[in-house]
Amino acid sequence: MKEEIGAKNYLSPLPVTLVGANVGGKPNYIAIAFVGAVDYSHVSISSARNHYTNAGIRENGTFSVNIPGTDLVKETDYCGMVSGKDTDKSAVFETFYGELKTAPMIAECPVNLECRVVQTLEMKIHEVFIGEIVKTYCNEEVLENGGVDFAKVDPILFVIYGKDYWSFGRPFARGWNVGKELMR
């Protein structure tokens, strides 16, 4: 039996990211869980139009998506609770820049995506920035066989309606493989 609970987006848990942008020439970071893969080389981030970081993304046409591990949960939560208008959140992290020179990234985060804005969608309350990934940077200790081992990253996951942070589980089946049993 199914129960109708309203028009709620239950695509969760979502990875919590720290989105970076230079605002007025200074690095700023905001915690964003509304992040998605558009395809292999593009990401989307959705941020309320009035957020301080959005001005920097529009100003430079660049942003970064930094994936913090659970060891950075306090810093990540803090970046989602205070505004860069009033607080220098870059002081919490060691910032570095890549090829684009205007997308600040966080050294403490094990995975960093440096992005160039290719499209902006205007929603009722949010702006959705679609970014082309220009470069991806990873800490050596999270790499395995030329890719990222997410068990080693230990990303923070967020359940929107419960407002709880969760930690990552373990792989339990192989994609594009386990379904082959039904092809027989």
N, C-alpha and C. Protein backbone atom coordinates (compact mmCIF):
# COMPACT_ATOMS: atom_id res chain seq x y z
N MET A 1 0.85 -1.18 0.00
CA MET A 1 0.00 0.00 0.00
C MET A 1 0.89 1.24 0.00
N LYS A 2 0.59 2.17 -0.86
CA LYS A 2 1.34 3.43 -0.96
C LYS A 2 0.56 4.55 -0.30
N GLU A 3 1.29 5.46 0.34
CA GLU A 3 0.67 6.64 0.95
C GLU A 3 1.23 7.88 0.27
N GLU A 4 0.37 8.78 -0.16
CA GLU A 4 0.78 10.02 -0.82
C GLU A 4 1.25 11.00 0.26
N ILE A 5 2.45 11.59 0.07
CA ILE A 5 3.00 12.50 1.09
C ILE A 5 3.29 13.90 0.55
N GLY A 6 2.76 14.23 -0.63
CA GLY A 6 2.99 15.55 -1.20
C GLY A 6 4.05 15.51 -2.28
N ALA A 7 4.32 16.67 -2.86
CA ALA A 7 5.32 16.78 -3.93
C ALA A 7 6.66 17.12 -3.32
N LYS A 8 7.32 16.11 -2.78
CA LYS A 8 8.61 16.32 -2.11
C LYS A 8 9.71 15.62 -2.90
N ASN A 9 10.85 16.27 -3.00
CA ASN A 9 12.00 15.71 -3.69
C ASN A 9 12.77 14.81 -2.73
N TYR A 10 12.61 13.52 -2.88
CA TYR A 10 13.30 12.56 -2.04
C TYR A 10 14.47 11.89 -2.76
N LEU A 11 15.13 12.64 -3.64
CA LEU A 11 16.37 12.13 -4.22
C LEU A 11 17.48 12.40 -3.22
N SER A 12 17.47 11.66 -2.16
CA SER A 12 18.46 11.83 -1.11
C SER A 12 18.79 10.47 -0.53
N PRO A 13 19.89 10.31 0.14
CA PRO A 13 20.80 11.39 0.52
C PRO A 13 21.63 11.90 -0.67
N LEU A 14 22.04 13.14 -0.54
CA LEU A 14 22.85 13.80 -1.55
C LEU A 14 24.23 14.09 -0.99
N PRO A 15 25.25 14.08 -1.84
CA PRO A 15 26.57 14.46 -1.32
C PRO A 15 26.58 15.95 -0.98
N VAL A 16 27.15 16.28 0.15
CA VAL A 16 27.32 17.69 0.51
C VAL A 16 28.64 18.14 -0.09
N THR A 17 28.61 19.26 -0.79
CA THR A 17 29.82 19.81 -1.38
C THR A 17 30.05 21.21 -0.84
N LEU A 18 31.25 21.67 -1.01
CA LEU A 18 31.59 23.06 -0.72
C LEU A 18 31.88 23.71 -2.06
N VAL A 19 30.99 24.60 -2.48
CA VAL A 19 31.15 25.28 -3.76
C VAL A 19 31.96 26.54 -3.52
N GLY A 20 32.99 26.72 -4.32
CA GLY A 20 33.86 27.87 -4.18
C GLY A 20 33.73 28.84 -5.33
N ALA A 21 33.80 30.13 -5.01
CA ALA A 21 33.81 31.18 -6.03
C ALA A 21 34.52 32.40 -5.45
N ASN A 22 35.21 33.12 -6.32
CA ASN A 22 35.78 34.40 -5.90
C ASN A 22 34.67 35.44 -5.95
N VAL A 23 34.50 36.16 -4.87
CA VAL A 23 33.51 37.24 -4.82
C VAL A 23 34.29 38.50 -4.50
N GLY A 24 34.28 39.45 -5.44
CA GLY A 24 35.06 40.66 -5.25
C GLY A 24 36.54 40.37 -5.10
N GLY A 25 37.03 39.34 -5.78
CA GLY A 25 38.44 38.98 -5.74
C GLY A 25 38.87 38.15 -4.55
N LYS A 26 37.92 37.75 -3.71
CA LYS A 26 38.23 37.00 -2.49
C LYS A 26 37.51 35.65 -2.51
N PRO A 27 38.21 34.55 -2.11
CA PRO A 27 37.56 33.23 -2.12
C PRO A 27 36.44 33.12 -1.09
N ASN A 28 35.38 32.46 -1.49
CA ASN A 28 34.25 32.20 -0.60
C ASN A 28 33.74 30.79 -0.88
N TYR A 29 33.22 30.16 0.18
CA TYR A 29 32.70 28.79 0.05
C TYR A 29 31.32 28.69 0.66
N ILE A 30 30.46 27.90 0.02
CA ILE A 30 29.11 27.65 0.52
C ILE A 30 28.83 26.16 0.47
N ALA A 31 28.17 25.64 1.48
CA ALA A 31 27.77 24.23 1.48
C ALA A 31 26.54 24.06 0.61
N ILE A 32 26.63 23.17 -0.35
CA ILE A 32 25.54 22.92 -1.30
C ILE A 32 25.36 21.41 -1.46
N ALA A 33 24.14 20.93 -1.25
CA ALA A 33 23.84 19.52 -1.49
C ALA A 33 23.06 19.34 -2.80
N PHE A 34 22.51 20.41 -3.34
CA PHE A 34 21.81 20.30 -4.62
C PHE A 34 22.83 20.37 -5.75
N VAL A 35 23.56 19.29 -5.91
CA VAL A 35 24.61 19.16 -6.92
C VAL A 35 24.32 17.89 -7.71
N GLY A 36 24.55 17.95 -9.01
CA GLY A 36 24.27 16.76 -9.80
C GLY A 36 25.22 16.60 -10.96
N ALA A 37 25.31 15.36 -11.44
CA ALA A 37 26.06 15.06 -12.64
C ALA A 37 25.13 15.27 -13.83
N VAL A 38 25.53 16.10 -14.77
CA VAL A 38 24.75 16.32 -15.98
C VAL A 38 25.16 15.28 -17.01
N ASP A 39 26.46 15.07 -17.13
CA ASP A 39 27.05 14.01 -17.95
C ASP A 39 28.47 13.80 -17.44
N TYR A 40 29.32 13.16 -18.23
CA TYR A 40 30.67 12.83 -17.75
C TYR A 40 31.55 14.05 -17.53
N SER A 41 31.25 15.16 -18.17
CA SER A 41 32.14 16.33 -18.06
C SER A 41 31.42 17.61 -17.61
N HIS A 42 30.19 17.49 -17.14
CA HIS A 42 29.44 18.67 -16.67
C HIS A 42 28.72 18.37 -15.37
N VAL A 43 28.64 19.38 -14.50
CA VAL A 43 27.92 19.28 -13.23
C VAL A 43 26.92 20.43 -13.14
N SER A 44 25.93 20.25 -12.28
CA SER A 44 25.00 21.34 -11.99
C SER A 44 25.02 21.61 -10.50
N ILE A 45 24.90 22.88 -10.15
CA ILE A 45 24.71 23.25 -8.76
C ILE A 45 23.52 24.19 -8.69
N SER A 46 22.70 24.01 -7.68
CA SER A 46 21.51 24.83 -7.50
C SER A 46 21.65 25.59 -6.20
N SER A 47 21.58 26.91 -6.29
CA SER A 47 21.79 27.76 -5.13
C SER A 47 20.76 28.89 -5.14
N ALA A 48 20.18 29.17 -3.98
CA ALA A 48 19.21 30.27 -3.89
C ALA A 48 19.82 31.55 -4.46
N ARG A 49 19.07 32.25 -5.26
CA ARG A 49 19.53 33.42 -6.00
C ARG A 49 20.20 34.46 -5.10
N ASN A 50 19.73 34.59 -3.86
CA ASN A 50 20.26 35.64 -2.98
C ASN A 50 21.56 35.26 -2.27
N HIS A 51 22.07 34.05 -2.50
CA HIS A 51 23.32 33.65 -1.84
C HIS A 51 24.50 34.47 -2.36
N TYR A 52 25.35 34.84 -1.46
CA TYR A 52 26.52 35.66 -1.73
C TYR A 52 27.43 35.03 -2.79
N THR A 53 27.63 33.73 -2.73
CA THR A 53 28.52 33.02 -3.65
C THR A 53 28.05 33.15 -5.10
N ASN A 54 26.74 33.21 -5.31
CA ASN A 54 26.21 33.31 -6.68
C ASN A 54 26.77 34.52 -7.42
N ALA A 55 26.94 35.64 -6.71
CA ALA A 55 27.47 36.85 -7.34
C ALA A 55 28.86 36.59 -7.91
N GLY A 56 29.68 35.84 -7.17
CA GLY A 56 31.02 35.51 -7.65
C GLY A 56 31.00 34.57 -8.83
N ILE A 57 30.07 33.63 -8.83
CA ILE A 57 29.95 32.71 -9.97
C ILE A 57 29.56 33.49 -11.22
N ARG A 58 28.60 34.40 -11.07
CA ARG A 58 28.20 35.24 -12.21
C ARG A 58 29.33 36.16 -12.65
N GLU A 59 30.04 36.74 -11.70
CA GLU A 59 31.12 37.70 -11.97
C GLU A 59 32.26 37.06 -12.77
N ASN A 60 32.67 35.84 -12.39
CA ASN A 60 33.83 35.21 -13.00
C ASN A 60 33.50 34.14 -14.03
N GLY A 61 32.28 33.62 -13.98
CA GLY A 61 31.91 32.52 -14.88
C GLY A 61 32.61 31.22 -14.52
N THR A 62 33.04 31.11 -13.26
CA THR A 62 33.73 29.91 -12.79
C THR A 62 33.28 29.57 -11.38
N PHE A 63 33.48 28.30 -11.00
CA PHE A 63 33.24 27.86 -9.63
C PHE A 63 33.97 26.54 -9.42
N SER A 64 34.09 26.15 -8.18
CA SER A 64 34.65 24.84 -7.87
C SER A 64 33.64 24.04 -7.07
N VAL A 65 33.73 22.73 -7.19
CA VAL A 65 32.94 21.82 -6.37
C VAL A 65 33.95 20.98 -5.60
N ASN A 66 33.96 21.15 -4.29
CA ASN A 66 34.90 20.48 -3.41
C ASN A 66 34.14 19.44 -2.61
N ILE A 67 34.65 18.21 -2.58
CA ILE A 67 33.96 17.13 -1.88
C ILE A 67 34.67 16.88 -0.55
N PRO A 68 34.05 17.32 0.56
CA PRO A 68 34.68 17.11 1.86
C PRO A 68 34.40 15.70 2.38
N GLY A 69 35.32 15.20 3.20
CA GLY A 69 35.10 13.94 3.91
C GLY A 69 34.38 14.24 5.22
N THR A 70 33.95 13.18 5.89
CA THR A 70 33.21 13.36 7.15
C THR A 70 34.06 14.04 8.22
N ASP A 71 35.38 14.00 8.07
CA ASP A 71 36.24 14.69 9.02
C ASP A 71 36.10 16.21 8.95
N LEU A 72 35.46 16.72 7.89
CA LEU A 72 35.24 18.16 7.73
C LEU A 72 33.78 18.56 7.95
N VAL A 73 33.01 17.74 8.67
CA VAL A 73 31.58 18.02 8.82
C VAL A 73 31.33 19.33 9.56
N LYS A 74 32.10 19.66 10.58
CA LYS A 74 31.87 20.92 11.31
C LYS A 74 32.14 22.12 10.42
N GLU A 75 33.24 22.09 9.69
CA GLU A 75 33.59 23.19 8.80
C GLU A 75 32.57 23.33 7.67
N THR A 76 32.13 22.18 7.16
CA THR A 76 31.14 22.19 6.07
C THR A 76 29.81 22.76 6.56
N ASP A 77 29.34 22.31 7.69
CA ASP A 77 28.09 22.79 8.27
C ASP A 77 28.17 24.30 8.52
N TYR A 78 29.30 24.73 9.06
CA TYR A 78 29.53 26.15 9.33
C TYR A 78 29.39 26.98 8.04
N CYS A 79 29.98 26.48 6.94
CA CYS A 79 29.91 27.20 5.66
C CYS A 79 28.49 27.27 5.11
N GLY A 80 27.61 26.41 5.58
CA GLY A 80 26.21 26.46 5.19
C GLY A 80 25.36 27.33 6.10
N MET A 81 25.91 27.70 7.26
CA MET A 81 25.14 28.47 8.24
C MET A 81 25.45 29.96 8.24
N VAL A 82 26.64 30.36 7.77
CA VAL A 82 27.01 31.78 7.78
C VAL A 82 27.19 32.28 6.36
N SER A 83 26.97 33.56 6.16
CA SER A 83 27.09 34.16 4.84
C SER A 83 28.48 34.77 4.66
N GLY A 84 28.99 34.64 3.45
CA GLY A 84 30.25 35.27 3.10
C GLY A 84 30.18 36.78 3.11
N LYS A 85 28.97 37.34 3.11
CA LYS A 85 28.82 38.80 3.22
C LYS A 85 29.37 39.28 4.55
N ASP A 86 29.19 38.46 5.59
CA ASP A 86 29.55 38.85 6.95
C ASP A 86 30.77 38.12 7.50
N THR A 87 31.15 37.01 6.90
CA THR A 87 32.17 36.13 7.48
C THR A 87 33.17 35.69 6.40
N ASP A 88 34.45 35.73 6.73
CA ASP A 88 35.48 35.25 5.81
C ASP A 88 35.61 33.74 5.99
N LYS A 89 34.83 33.00 5.22
CA LYS A 89 34.86 31.54 5.33
C LYS A 89 36.13 30.93 4.73
N SER A 90 36.83 31.68 3.91
CA SER A 90 38.07 31.14 3.33
C SER A 90 39.14 30.94 4.40
N ALA A 91 39.01 31.62 5.52
CA ALA A 91 39.99 31.49 6.61
C ALA A 91 39.94 30.11 7.26
N VAL A 92 38.85 29.36 7.01
CA VAL A 92 38.68 28.03 7.59
C VAL A 92 39.53 27.00 6.85
N PHE A 93 39.88 27.29 5.59
CA PHE A 93 40.54 26.32 4.73
C PHE A 93 41.81 26.89 4.10
N GLU A 94 42.63 25.98 3.57
CA GLU A 94 43.74 26.38 2.72
C GLU A 94 43.22 26.38 1.29
N THR A 95 43.28 27.53 0.64
CA THR A 95 42.75 27.70 -0.71
C THR A 95 43.87 27.53 -1.74
N PHE A 96 43.53 26.88 -2.85
CA PHE A 96 44.46 26.83 -3.99
C PHE A 96 43.66 27.07 -5.27
N TYR A 97 44.37 27.43 -6.33
CA TYR A 97 43.75 27.70 -7.62
C TYR A 97 44.37 26.81 -8.68
N GLY A 98 43.59 26.52 -9.71
CA GLY A 98 44.05 25.70 -10.82
C GLY A 98 44.16 26.51 -12.08
N GLU A 99 43.86 25.87 -13.17
CA GLU A 99 44.01 26.45 -14.51
C GLU A 99 43.20 27.72 -14.72
N LEU A 100 41.98 27.78 -14.21
CA LEU A 100 41.10 28.92 -14.47
C LEU A 100 41.48 30.17 -13.67
N LYS A 101 42.19 30.01 -12.58
CA LYS A 101 42.69 31.11 -11.73
C LYS A 101 41.62 31.86 -10.94
N THR A 102 40.32 31.54 -11.15
CA THR A 102 39.25 32.26 -10.45
C THR A 102 38.26 31.34 -9.75
N ALA A 103 38.58 30.06 -9.70
CA ALA A 103 37.71 29.09 -9.02
C ALA A 103 38.47 28.56 -7.80
N PRO A 104 38.29 29.16 -6.63
CA PRO A 104 39.05 28.72 -5.45
C PRO A 104 38.66 27.31 -5.05
N MET A 105 39.68 26.52 -4.67
CA MET A 105 39.45 25.15 -4.24
C MET A 105 40.06 24.93 -2.86
N ILE A 106 39.57 23.91 -2.17
CA ILE A 106 39.93 23.64 -0.78
C ILE A 106 40.92 22.48 -0.72
N ALA A 107 42.12 22.77 -0.23
CA ALA A 107 43.17 21.75 -0.15
C ALA A 107 42.77 20.58 0.74
N GLU A 108 42.02 20.84 1.81
CA GLU A 108 41.64 19.78 2.75
C GLU A 108 40.61 18.81 2.18
N CYS A 109 39.90 19.19 1.14
CA CYS A 109 38.92 18.29 0.51
C CYS A 109 39.64 17.31 -0.40
N PRO A 110 39.35 16.03 -0.31
CA PRO A 110 40.08 15.03 -1.10
C PRO A 110 39.82 15.08 -2.60
N VAL A 111 38.69 15.68 -3.01
CA VAL A 111 38.36 15.78 -4.44
C VAL A 111 37.88 17.20 -4.73
N ASN A 112 38.40 17.77 -5.82
CA ASN A 112 38.05 19.14 -6.22
C ASN A 112 37.78 19.16 -7.72
N LEU A 113 36.68 19.76 -8.11
CA LEU A 113 36.34 19.93 -9.53
C LEU A 113 36.40 21.42 -9.85
N GLU A 114 37.20 21.77 -10.84
CA GLU A 114 37.33 23.16 -11.29
C GLU A 114 36.43 23.32 -12.51
N CYS A 115 35.49 24.26 -12.45
CA CYS A 115 34.43 24.34 -13.47
C CYS A 115 34.30 25.73 -14.09
N ARG A 116 33.91 25.72 -15.37
CA ARG A 116 33.59 26.94 -16.11
C ARG A 116 32.08 26.90 -16.39
N VAL A 117 31.39 27.99 -16.10
CA VAL A 117 29.94 28.06 -16.33
C VAL A 117 29.66 28.04 -17.83
N VAL A 118 28.77 27.13 -18.23
CA VAL A 118 28.36 27.06 -19.64
C VAL A 118 26.89 27.45 -19.82
N GLN A 119 26.13 27.41 -18.72
CA GLN A 119 24.72 27.78 -18.80
C GLN A 119 24.20 28.07 -17.39
N THR A 120 23.26 29.00 -17.32
CA THR A 120 22.59 29.30 -16.06
C THR A 120 21.09 29.21 -16.28
N LEU A 121 20.41 28.45 -15.43
CA LEU A 121 18.96 28.32 -15.50
C LEU A 121 18.36 29.11 -14.35
N GLU A 122 17.39 29.94 -14.65
CA GLU A 122 16.71 30.73 -13.63
C GLU A 122 15.45 29.99 -13.19
N MET A 123 15.43 29.57 -11.94
CA MET A 123 14.26 28.93 -11.37
C MET A 123 13.53 29.98 -10.52
N LYS A 124 12.44 29.60 -9.89
CA LYS A 124 11.65 30.53 -9.09
C LYS A 124 12.49 31.18 -7.98
N ILE A 125 13.23 30.37 -7.24
CA ILE A 125 14.03 30.87 -6.11
C ILE A 125 15.52 30.64 -6.35
N HIS A 126 15.86 29.61 -7.07
CA HIS A 126 17.25 29.21 -7.26
C HIS A 126 17.79 29.57 -8.64
N GLU A 127 19.11 29.65 -8.71
CA GLU A 127 19.83 29.66 -9.97
C GLU A 127 20.52 28.30 -10.07
N VAL A 128 20.47 27.71 -11.25
CA VAL A 128 21.15 26.45 -11.48
C VAL A 128 22.29 26.76 -12.45
N PHE A 129 23.50 26.57 -11.96
CA PHE A 129 24.69 26.79 -12.77
C PHE A 129 25.16 25.45 -13.32
N ILE A 130 25.28 25.37 -14.64
CA ILE A 130 25.82 24.18 -15.28
C ILE A 130 27.28 24.51 -15.59
N GLY A 131 28.16 23.67 -15.09
CA GLY A 131 29.58 23.91 -15.29
C GLY A 131 30.26 22.78 -16.02
N GLU A 132 31.13 23.16 -16.93
CA GLU A 132 32.00 22.19 -17.59
C GLU A 132 33.19 21.95 -16.67
N ILE A 133 33.49 20.70 -16.38
CA ILE A 133 34.64 20.38 -15.54
C ILE A 133 35.90 20.57 -16.39
N VAL A 134 36.73 21.53 -15.98
CA VAL A 134 37.97 21.82 -16.69
C VAL A 134 39.09 20.92 -16.19
N LYS A 135 39.17 20.75 -14.88
CA LYS A 135 40.18 19.87 -14.26
C LYS A 135 39.59 19.27 -12.99
N THR A 136 40.05 18.07 -12.67
CA THR A 136 39.71 17.42 -11.41
C THR A 136 41.01 17.16 -10.67
N TYR A 137 41.02 17.49 -9.38
CA TYR A 137 42.20 17.31 -8.54
C TYR A 137 41.82 16.36 -7.40
N CYS A 138 42.72 15.41 -7.09
CA CYS A 138 42.45 14.43 -6.03
C CYS A 138 43.68 14.24 -5.16
N ASN A 139 43.45 14.05 -3.88
CA ASN A 139 44.53 13.64 -2.99
C ASN A 139 44.96 12.24 -3.38
N GLU A 140 46.26 11.99 -3.38
CA GLU A 140 46.78 10.69 -3.78
C GLU A 140 46.19 9.55 -2.97
N GLU A 141 45.95 9.78 -1.68
CA GLU A 141 45.50 8.69 -0.81
C GLU A 141 44.08 8.20 -1.11
N VAL A 142 43.30 8.94 -1.93
CA VAL A 142 41.95 8.47 -2.27
C VAL A 142 41.90 7.84 -3.66
N LEU A 143 43.03 7.81 -4.35
CA LEU A 143 43.06 7.22 -5.69
C LEU A 143 43.29 5.73 -5.62
N GLU A 144 42.60 5.01 -6.49
CA GLU A 144 42.72 3.56 -6.58
C GLU A 144 42.52 3.17 -8.04
N ASN A 145 43.50 2.54 -8.65
CA ASN A 145 43.41 2.09 -10.04
C ASN A 145 43.02 3.22 -11.00
N GLY A 146 43.58 4.39 -10.82
CA GLY A 146 43.32 5.52 -11.71
C GLY A 146 42.02 6.26 -11.48
N GLY A 147 41.28 5.89 -10.45
CA GLY A 147 40.01 6.56 -10.15
C GLY A 147 39.90 6.83 -8.66
N VAL A 148 38.78 7.41 -8.27
CA VAL A 148 38.55 7.77 -6.88
C VAL A 148 37.88 6.62 -6.14
N ASP A 149 38.42 6.27 -4.99
CA ASP A 149 37.83 5.27 -4.09
C ASP A 149 37.00 6.05 -3.07
N PHE A 150 35.69 6.03 -3.24
CA PHE A 150 34.82 6.86 -2.38
C PHE A 150 34.75 6.38 -0.95
N ALA A 151 35.12 5.14 -0.69
CA ALA A 151 35.22 4.68 0.70
C ALA A 151 36.35 5.44 1.40
N LYS A 152 37.41 5.74 0.66
CA LYS A 152 38.53 6.51 1.22
C LYS A 152 38.18 7.99 1.33
N VAL A 153 37.37 8.50 0.43
CA VAL A 153 36.92 9.90 0.51
C VAL A 153 36.02 10.07 1.73
N ASP A 154 35.14 9.11 1.96
CA ASP A 154 34.17 9.14 3.05
C ASP A 154 33.34 10.43 3.01
N PRO A 155 32.62 10.66 1.89
CA PRO A 155 31.88 11.91 1.72
C PRO A 155 30.73 12.07 2.72
N ILE A 156 30.38 13.31 2.96
CA ILE A 156 29.23 13.64 3.81
C ILE A 156 27.99 13.56 2.93
N LEU A 157 26.98 12.87 3.41
CA LEU A 157 25.70 12.79 2.70
C LEU A 157 24.65 13.51 3.51
N PHE A 158 23.68 14.13 2.82
CA PHE A 158 22.67 14.94 3.50
C PHE A 158 21.28 14.47 3.12
N VAL A 159 20.43 14.25 4.11
CA VAL A 159 19.03 13.92 3.90
C VAL A 159 18.25 15.21 4.14
N ILE A 160 17.66 15.73 3.08
CA ILE A 160 17.06 17.06 3.10
C ILE A 160 15.97 17.21 4.15
N TYR A 161 14.99 16.33 4.16
CA TYR A 161 13.84 16.53 5.05
C TYR A 161 14.14 16.17 6.50
N GLY A 162 15.13 15.35 6.74
CA GLY A 162 15.51 15.05 8.12
C GLY A 162 16.58 15.99 8.64
N LYS A 163 17.25 16.69 7.69
CA LYS A 163 18.37 17.59 8.00
C LYS A 163 19.49 16.86 8.73
N ASP A 164 19.69 15.60 8.38
CA ASP A 164 20.73 14.80 9.01
C ASP A 164 21.87 14.57 8.04
N TYR A 165 23.08 14.50 8.60
CA TYR A 165 24.24 14.09 7.83
C TYR A 165 24.42 12.59 8.00
N TRP A 166 24.74 11.93 6.92
CA TRP A 166 24.97 10.50 6.90
C TRP A 166 26.38 10.26 6.37
N SER A 167 26.89 9.06 6.63
CA SER A 167 28.17 8.69 6.05
C SER A 167 27.96 7.63 4.98
N PHE A 168 28.96 7.46 4.17
CA PHE A 168 28.94 6.58 3.01
C PHE A 168 28.94 5.11 3.42
N GLY A 169 28.30 4.28 2.65
CA GLY A 169 28.28 2.84 2.92
C GLY A 169 29.34 2.11 2.13
N ARG A 170 29.01 0.95 1.69
CA ARG A 170 29.94 0.10 0.95
C ARG A 170 29.29 -0.32 -0.36
N PRO A 171 30.09 -0.62 -1.38
CA PRO A 171 29.50 -1.13 -2.62
C PRO A 171 28.91 -2.52 -2.37
N PHE A 172 27.80 -2.82 -3.01
CA PHE A 172 27.17 -4.13 -2.80
C PHE A 172 26.87 -4.87 -4.11
N ALA A 173 27.01 -4.18 -5.25
CA ALA A 173 26.79 -4.83 -6.54
C ALA A 173 27.53 -4.02 -7.60
N ARG A 174 27.82 -4.64 -8.72
CA ARG A 174 28.55 -4.01 -9.81
C ARG A 174 27.56 -3.51 -10.85
N GLY A 175 27.64 -2.20 -11.18
CA GLY A 175 26.77 -1.59 -12.20
C GLY A 175 27.05 -2.12 -13.59
N TRP A 176 26.03 -2.15 -14.42
CA TRP A 176 26.09 -2.68 -15.77
C TRP A 176 26.59 -4.13 -15.75
N ASN A 177 26.26 -4.84 -14.64
CA ASN A 177 26.70 -6.22 -14.52
C ASN A 177 25.65 -7.06 -13.80
N VAL A 178 25.23 -6.61 -12.62
CA VAL A 178 24.32 -7.40 -11.80
C VAL A 178 22.99 -7.68 -12.53
N GLY A 179 22.56 -6.78 -13.39
CA GLY A 179 21.32 -6.96 -14.12
C GLY A 179 21.39 -7.98 -15.24
N LYS A 180 22.58 -8.43 -15.57
CA LYS A 180 22.75 -9.41 -16.64
C LYS A 180 22.01 -10.70 -16.34
N GLU A 181 21.80 -10.99 -15.06
CA GLU A 181 21.05 -12.20 -14.68
C GLU A 181 19.64 -12.18 -15.26
N LEU A 182 19.06 -11.00 -15.42
CA LEU A 182 17.71 -10.89 -15.96
C LEU A 182 17.69 -10.94 -17.50
N MET A 183 18.86 -10.89 -18.13
CA MET A 183 18.94 -10.91 -19.58
C MET A 183 18.88 -12.33 -20.13
N ARG A 184 18.98 -13.32 -19.27
CA ARG A 184 19.02 -14.73 -19.71
C ARG A 184 17.68 -15.23 -20.11
